């Protein structure tokens, strides 16, 4: 990393630090409807399919990816 990098970053973010930042007021209410068992099952299944299945595929075929053809 260059010696000038912190100075450049400080110059880029300096004007943003001086802007007034309003405090967020977050109010929460209880849910209108409770989630059912089927809704939870669909959500967990979609998370599994989207995240765990592709990474499992790559890990199970890792030796094939290492080989040079």
PDB file of N, CA and C in Angstrom:
ATOM      1  N   UNK A   1       0.842  -1.163   0.000  1.00  0.00           N
ATOM      2  CA  UNK A   1       0.000   0.000   0.000  1.00  0.00           C
ATOM      3  C   UNK A   1       0.890   1.229   0.000  1.00  0.00           C
ATOM      4  N   UNK A   2       0.514   2.182  -0.742  1.00  0.00           N
ATOM      5  CA  UNK A   2       1.298   3.395  -0.876  1.00  0.00           C
ATOM      6  C   UNK A   2       1.161   4.273   0.360  1.00  0.00           C
ATOM      7  N   UNK A   3       2.127   5.137   0.550  1.00  0.00           N
ATOM      8  CA  UNK A   3       2.099   6.078   1.679  1.00  0.00           C
ATOM      9  C   UNK A   3       1.004   7.115   1.455  1.00  0.00           C
ATOM     10  N   UNK A   4       0.691   7.396   0.205  1.00  0.00           N
ATOM     11  CA  UNK A   4      -0.300   8.421  -0.111  1.00  0.00           C
ATOM     12  C   UNK A   4      -1.739   7.929  -0.011  1.00  0.00           C
ATOM     13  N   UNK A   5      -1.950   6.643   0.079  1.00  0.00           N
ATOM     14  CA  UNK A   5      -3.302   6.098   0.093  1.00  0.00           C
ATOM     15  C   UNK A   5      -4.138   6.630   1.256  1.00  0.00           C
ATOM     16  N   UNK A   6      -3.632   6.642   2.498  1.00  0.00           N
ATOM     17  CA  UNK A   6      -4.464   7.198   3.574  1.00  0.00           C
ATOM     18  C   UNK A   6      -4.805   8.670   3.354  1.00  0.00           C
ATOM     19  N   UNK A   7      -3.874   9.436   2.785  1.00  0.00           N
ATOM     20  CA  UNK A   7      -4.158  10.848   2.530  1.00  0.00           C
ATOM     21  C   UNK A   7      -5.227  11.015   1.460  1.00  0.00           C
ATOM     22  N   UNK A   8      -5.166  10.176   0.426  1.00  0.00           N
ATOM     23  CA  UNK A   8      -6.175  10.249  -0.626  1.00  0.00           C
ATOM     24  C   UNK A   8      -7.551   9.852  -0.101  1.00  0.00           C
ATOM     25  N   UNK A   9      -7.586   8.794   0.704  1.00  0.00           N
ATOM     26  CA  UNK A   9      -8.867   8.359   1.261  1.00  0.00           C
ATOM     27  C   UNK A   9      -9.430   9.402   2.210  1.00  0.00           C
ATOM     28  N   UNK A  10      -8.578  10.038   2.991  1.00  0.00           N
ATOM     29  CA  UNK A  10      -9.029  11.072   3.909  1.00  0.00           C
ATOM     30  C   UNK A  10      -9.581  12.264   3.124  1.00  0.00           C
ATOM     31  N   UNK A  11      -8.954  12.582   1.989  1.00  0.00           N
ATOM     32  CA  UNK A  11      -9.443  13.672   1.161  1.00  0.00           C
ATOM     33  C   UNK A  11     -10.785  13.362   0.524  1.00  0.00           C
ATOM     34  N   UNK A  12     -11.007  12.110   0.159  1.00  0.00           N
ATOM     35  CA  UNK A  12     -12.270  11.731  -0.465  1.00  0.00           C
ATOM     36  C   UNK A  12     -13.421  11.703   0.528  1.00  0.00           C
ATOM     37  N   UNK A  13     -13.151  11.287   1.756  1.00  0.00           N
ATOM     38  CA  UNK A  13     -14.223  11.160   2.740  1.00  0.00           C
ATOM     39  C   UNK A  13     -14.331  12.369   3.652  1.00  0.00           C
ATOM     40  N   UNK A  14     -13.459  13.340   3.506  1.00  0.00           N
ATOM     41  CA  UNK A  14     -13.476  14.497   4.396  1.00  0.00           C
ATOM     42  C   UNK A  14     -14.752  15.303   4.298  1.00  0.00           C
ATOM     43  N   UNK A  15     -15.240  15.561   3.089  1.00  0.00           N
ATOM     44  CA  UNK A  15     -16.451  16.360   2.937  1.00  0.00           C
ATOM     45  C   UNK A  15     -17.679  15.594   3.434  1.00  0.00           C
ATOM     46  N   UNK A  16     -17.665  14.281   3.335  1.00  0.00           N
ATOM     47  CA  UNK A  16     -18.808  13.489   3.793  1.00  0.00           C
ATOM     48  C   UNK A  16     -18.887  13.464   5.313  1.00  0.00           C
ATOM     49  N   UNK A  17     -17.766  13.621   5.989  1.00  0.00           N
ATOM     50  CA  UNK A  17     -17.783  13.598   7.453  1.00  0.00           C
ATOM     51  C   UNK A  17     -18.404  14.857   8.030  1.00  0.00           C
ATOM     52  N   UNK A  18     -18.337  15.959   7.296  1.00  0.00           N
ATOM     53  CA  UNK A  18     -18.851  17.221   7.826  1.00  0.00           C
ATOM     54  C   UNK A  18     -20.355  17.385   7.630  1.00  0.00           C
ATOM     55  N   UNK A  19     -20.979  16.521   6.837  1.00  0.00           N
ATOM     56  CA  UNK A  19     -22.410  16.635   6.604  1.00  0.00           C
ATOM     57  C   UNK A  19     -23.187  16.236   7.852  1.00  0.00           C
ATOM     58  N   UNK A  20     -24.255  16.964   8.176  1.00  0.00           N
ATOM     59  CA  UNK A  20     -25.053  16.565   9.344  1.00  0.00           C
ATOM     60  C   UNK A  20     -25.800  15.269   9.052  1.00  0.00           C
ATOM     61  N   UNK A  21     -25.761  14.358   9.982  1.00  0.00           N
ATOM     62  CA  UNK A  21     -26.384  13.057   9.808  1.00  0.00           C
ATOM     63  C   UNK A  21     -27.570  12.957  10.766  1.00  0.00           C
ATOM     64  N   UNK A  22     -28.793  12.855  10.235  1.00  0.00           N
ATOM     65  CA  UNK A  22     -29.944  12.746  11.129  1.00  0.00           C
ATOM     66  C   UNK A  22     -29.966  11.377  11.813  1.00  0.00           C
ATOM     67  N   UNK A  23     -30.426  11.378  13.035  1.00  0.00           N
ATOM     68  CA  UNK A  23     -30.540  10.113  13.773  1.00  0.00           C
ATOM     69  C   UNK A  23     -31.763   9.355  13.269  1.00  0.00           C
ATOM     70  N   UNK A  24     -31.617   8.079  13.088  1.00  0.00           N
ATOM     71  CA  UNK A  24     -32.716   7.251  12.605  1.00  0.00           C
ATOM     72  C   UNK A  24     -33.640   6.906  13.758  1.00  0.00           C
ATOM     73  N   UNK A  25     -34.907   7.091  13.527  1.00  0.00           N
ATOM     74  CA  UNK A  25     -35.904   6.723  14.529  1.00  0.00           C
ATOM     75  C   UNK A  25     -36.664   5.518  13.979  1.00  0.00           C
ATOM     76  N   UNK A  26     -36.411   4.369  14.549  1.00  0.00           N
ATOM     77  CA  UNK A  26     -37.008   3.132  14.066  1.00  0.00           C
ATOM     78  C   UNK A  26     -38.057   2.691  15.075  1.00  0.00           C
ATOM     79  N   UNK A  27     -39.267   2.507  14.593  1.00  0.00           N
ATOM     80  CA  UNK A  27     -40.347   2.021  15.437  1.00  0.00           C
ATOM     81  C   UNK A  27     -40.849   0.717  14.843  1.00  0.00           C
ATOM     82  N   UNK A  28     -41.031  -0.266  15.680  1.00  0.00           N
ATOM     83  CA  UNK A  28     -41.448  -1.570  15.207  1.00  0.00           C
ATOM     84  C   UNK A  28     -42.775  -1.954  15.839  1.00  0.00           C
ATOM     85  N   UNK A  29     -43.560  -2.676  15.086  1.00  0.00           N
ATOM     86  CA  UNK A  29     -44.839  -3.177  15.571  1.00  0.00           C
ATOM     87  C   UNK A  29     -44.840  -4.692  15.458  1.00  0.00           C
ATOM     88  N   UNK A  30     -45.686  -5.364  16.183  1.00  0.00           N
ATOM     89  CA  UNK A  30     -45.794  -6.822  16.011  1.00  0.00           C
ATOM     90  C   UNK A  30     -46.322  -7.139  14.605  1.00  0.00           C
ATOM     91  N   UNK A  31     -46.012  -8.313  14.075  1.00  0.00           N
ATOM     92  CA  UNK A  31     -46.478  -8.659  12.731  1.00  0.00           C
ATOM     93  C   UNK A  31     -47.997  -8.773  12.674  1.00  0.00           C
ATOM     94  N   UNK A  32     -48.547  -8.438  11.516  1.00  0.00           N
ATOM     95  CA  UNK A  32     -50.000  -8.540  11.350  1.00  0.00           C
ATOM     96  C   UNK A  32     -50.442  -9.991  11.333  1.00  0.00           C
ATOM     97  N   UNK A  33     -49.633 -10.838  10.671  1.00  0.00           N
ATOM     98  CA  UNK A  33     -49.961 -12.270  10.596  1.00  0.00           C
ATOM     99  C   UNK A  33     -48.738 -13.072  11.006  1.00  0.00           C
ATOM    100  N   UNK A  34     -48.946 -14.127  11.749  1.00  0.00           N
ATOM    101  CA  UNK A  34     -47.848 -15.014  12.127  1.00  0.00           C
ATOM    102  C   UNK A  34     -47.475 -15.882  10.932  1.00  0.00           C
ATOM    103  N   UNK A  35     -46.197 -16.226  10.826  1.00  0.00           N
ATOM    104  CA  UNK A  35     -45.751 -17.106   9.747  1.00  0.00           C
ATOM    105  C   UNK A  35     -46.165 -18.535  10.051  1.00  0.00           C
ATOM    106  N   UNK A  36     -46.668 -19.205   9.038  1.00  0.00           N
ATOM    107  CA  UNK A  36     -47.079 -20.590   9.188  1.00  0.00           C
ATOM    108  C   UNK A  36     -45.916 -21.540   8.956  1.00  0.00           C
ATOM    109  N   UNK A  37     -46.155 -22.802   9.197  1.00  0.00           N
ATOM    110  CA  UNK A  37     -45.129 -23.825   9.022  1.00  0.00           C
ATOM    111  C   UNK A  37     -44.713 -23.942   7.559  1.00  0.00           C
ATOM    112  N   UNK A  38     -45.667 -23.825   6.651  1.00  0.00           N
ATOM    113  CA  UNK A  38     -45.365 -23.935   5.232  1.00  0.00           C
ATOM    114  C   UNK A  38     -44.513 -22.754   4.772  1.00  0.00           C
ATOM    115  N   UNK A  39     -44.800 -21.551   5.266  1.00  0.00           N
ATOM    116  CA  UNK A  39     -43.998 -20.378   4.905  1.00  0.00           C
ATOM    117  C   UNK A  39     -42.547 -20.543   5.354  1.00  0.00           C
ATOM    118  N   UNK A  40     -42.352 -21.042   6.550  1.00  0.00           N
ATOM    119  CA  UNK A  40     -41.002 -21.253   7.070  1.00  0.00           C
ATOM    120  C   UNK A  40     -40.285 -22.336   6.273  1.00  0.00           C
ATOM    121  N   UNK A  41     -41.000 -23.405   5.931  1.00  0.00           N
ATOM    122  CA  UNK A  41     -40.398 -24.491   5.149  1.00  0.00           C
ATOM    123  C   UNK A  41     -39.977 -24.002   3.764  1.00  0.00           C
ATOM    124  N   UNK A  42     -40.794 -23.186   3.133  1.00  0.00           N
ATOM    125  CA  UNK A  42     -40.450 -22.650   1.818  1.00  0.00           C
ATOM    126  C   UNK A  42     -39.242 -21.726   1.920  1.00  0.00           C
ATOM    127  N   UNK A  43     -39.196 -20.897   2.941  1.00  0.00           N
ATOM    128  CA  UNK A  43     -38.065 -19.999   3.127  1.00  0.00           C
ATOM    129  C   UNK A  43     -36.760 -20.739   3.374  1.00  0.00           C
ATOM    130  N   UNK A  44     -36.777 -21.744   4.227  1.00  0.00           N
ATOM    131  CA  UNK A  44     -35.562 -22.518   4.500  1.00  0.00           C
ATOM    132  C   UNK A  44     -35.114 -23.307   3.280  1.00  0.00           C
ATOM    133  N   UNK A  45     -36.069 -23.849   2.538  1.00  0.00           N
ATOM    134  CA  UNK A  45     -35.719 -24.600   1.332  1.00  0.00           C
ATOM    135  C   UNK A  45     -35.093 -23.694   0.278  1.00  0.00           C
ATOM    136  N   UNK A  46     -35.639 -22.506   0.107  1.00  0.00           N
ATOM    137  CA  UNK A  46     -35.071 -21.591  -0.887  1.00  0.00           C
ATOM    138  C   UNK A  46     -33.681 -21.124  -0.473  1.00  0.00           C
ATOM    139  N   UNK A  47     -33.446 -20.906   0.820  1.00  0.00           N
ATOM    140  CA  UNK A  47     -32.100 -20.555   1.285  1.00  0.00           C
ATOM    141  C   UNK A  47     -31.123 -21.694   1.018  1.00  0.00           C
ATOM    142  N   UNK A  48     -31.548 -22.921   1.265  1.00  0.00           N
ATOM    143  CA  UNK A  48     -30.696 -24.070   1.005  1.00  0.00           C
ATOM    144  C   UNK A  48     -30.349 -24.171  -0.469  1.00  0.00           C
ATOM    145  N   UNK A  49     -31.350 -24.037  -1.325  1.00  0.00           N
ATOM    146  CA  UNK A  49     -31.122 -24.187  -2.763  1.00  0.00           C
ATOM    147  C   UNK A  49     -30.235 -23.067  -3.293  1.00  0.00           C
ATOM    148  N   UNK A  50     -30.432 -21.847  -2.822  1.00  0.00           N
ATOM    149  CA  UNK A  50     -29.688 -20.697  -3.369  1.00  0.00           C
ATOM    150  C   UNK A  50     -28.254 -20.613  -2.861  1.00  0.00           C
ATOM    151  N   UNK A  51     -28.003 -20.985  -1.619  1.00  0.00           N
ATOM    152  CA  UNK A  51     -26.679 -20.774  -1.037  1.00  0.00           C
ATOM    153  C   UNK A  51     -25.876 -22.057  -0.839  1.00  0.00           C
ATOM    154  N   UNK A  52     -26.483 -23.064  -0.273  1.00  0.00           N
ATOM    155  CA  UNK A  52     -25.723 -24.252   0.096  1.00  0.00           C
ATOM    156  C   UNK A  52     -25.521 -25.219  -1.056  1.00  0.00           C
ATOM    157  N   UNK A  53     -26.463 -25.325  -1.953  1.00  0.00           N
ATOM    158  CA  UNK A  53     -26.346 -26.270  -3.056  1.00  0.00           C
ATOM    159  C   UNK A  53     -25.201 -25.915  -4.013  1.00  0.00           C
ATOM    160  N   UNK A  54     -25.065 -24.663  -4.476  1.00  0.00           N
ATOM    161  CA  UNK A  54     -23.931 -24.350  -5.363  1.00  0.00           C
ATOM    162  C   UNK A  54     -22.575 -24.501  -4.682  1.00  0.00           C
ATOM    163  N   UNK A  55     -22.471 -24.093  -3.428  1.00  0.00           N
ATOM    164  CA  UNK A  55     -21.181 -24.242  -2.747  1.00  0.00           C
ATOM    165  C   UNK A  55     -20.866 -25.713  -2.505  1.00  0.00           C
ATOM    166  N   UNK A  56     -21.864 -26.525  -2.229  1.00  0.00           N
ATOM    167  CA  UNK A  56     -21.640 -27.955  -2.081  1.00  0.00           C
ATOM    168  C   UNK A  56     -21.197 -28.594  -3.384  1.00  0.00           C
ATOM    169  N   UNK A  57     -21.746 -28.133  -4.506  1.00  0.00           N
ATOM    170  CA  UNK A  57     -21.342 -28.632  -5.818  1.00  0.00           C
ATOM    171  C   UNK A  57     -19.872 -28.326  -6.068  1.00  0.00           C
ATOM    172  N   UNK A  58     -19.468 -27.102  -5.801  1.00  0.00           N
ATOM    173  CA  UNK A  58     -18.075 -26.719  -6.036  1.00  0.00           C
ATOM    174  C   UNK A  58     -17.150 -27.520  -5.132  1.00  0.00           C
ATOM    175  N   UNK A  59     -17.493 -27.673  -3.870  1.00  0.00           N
ATOM    176  CA  UNK A  59     -16.633 -28.421  -2.955  1.00  0.00           C
ATOM    177  C   UNK A  59     -16.546 -29.892  -3.324  1.00  0.00           C
ATOM    178  N   UNK A  60     -17.627 -30.470  -3.814  1.00  0.00           N
ATOM    179  CA  UNK A  60     -17.588 -31.891  -4.169  1.00  0.00           C
ATOM    180  C   UNK A  60     -16.819 -32.130  -5.469  1.00  0.00           C
ATOM    181  N   UNK A  61     -16.698 -31.137  -6.325  1.00  0.00           N
ATOM    182  CA  UNK A  61     -15.973 -31.273  -7.580  1.00  0.00           C
ATOM    183  C   UNK A  61     -14.653 -30.514  -7.574  1.00  0.00           C
ATOM    184  N   UNK A  62     -14.113 -30.250  -6.399  1.00  0.00           N
ATOM    185  CA  UNK A  62     -12.901 -29.449  -6.270  1.00  0.00           C
ATOM    186  C   UNK A  62     -11.709 -30.111  -6.944  1.00  0.00           C
ATOM    187  N   UNK A  63     -11.591 -31.422  -6.843  1.00  0.00           N
ATOM    188  CA  UNK A  63     -10.467 -32.120  -7.459  1.00  0.00           C
ATOM    189  C   UNK A  63     -10.518 -32.005  -8.982  1.00  0.00           C
ATOM    190  N   UNK A  64     -11.713 -31.996  -9.556  1.00  0.00           N
ATOM    191  CA  UNK A  64     -11.838 -31.839 -11.007  1.00  0.00           C
ATOM    192  C   UNK A  64     -11.409 -30.457 -11.450  1.00  0.00           C
ATOM    193  N   UNK A  65     -11.673 -29.438 -10.618  1.00  0.00           N
ATOM    194  CA  UNK A  65     -11.300 -28.077 -10.968  1.00  0.00           C
ATOM    195  C   UNK A  65      -9.791 -27.855 -10.849  1.00  0.00           C
ATOM    196  N   UNK A  66      -9.136 -28.623 -10.001  1.00  0.00           N
ATOM    197  CA  UNK A  66      -7.687 -28.467  -9.813  1.00  0.00           C
ATOM    198  C   UNK A  66      -6.884 -29.010 -10.999  1.00  0.00           C
ATOM    199  N   UNK A  67      -7.440 -29.995 -11.701  1.00  0.00           N
ATOM    200  CA  UNK A  67      -6.727 -30.627 -12.807  1.00  0.00           C
ATOM    201  C   UNK A  67      -6.616 -29.668 -13.979  1.00  0.00           C
ATOM    202  N   UNK A  68      -5.438 -29.665 -14.586  1.00  0.00           N
ATOM    203  CA  UNK A  68      -5.250 -28.863 -15.805  1.00  0.00           C
ATOM    204  C   UNK A  68      -5.493 -29.782 -17.000  1.00  0.00           C
ATOM    205  N   UNK A  69      -6.227 -29.304 -17.952  1.00  0.00           N
ATOM    206  CA  UNK A  69      -6.524 -30.121 -19.123  1.00  0.00           C
ATOM    207  C   UNK A  69      -5.853 -29.556 -20.348  1.00  0.00           C
TER     208      UNK A  69
END
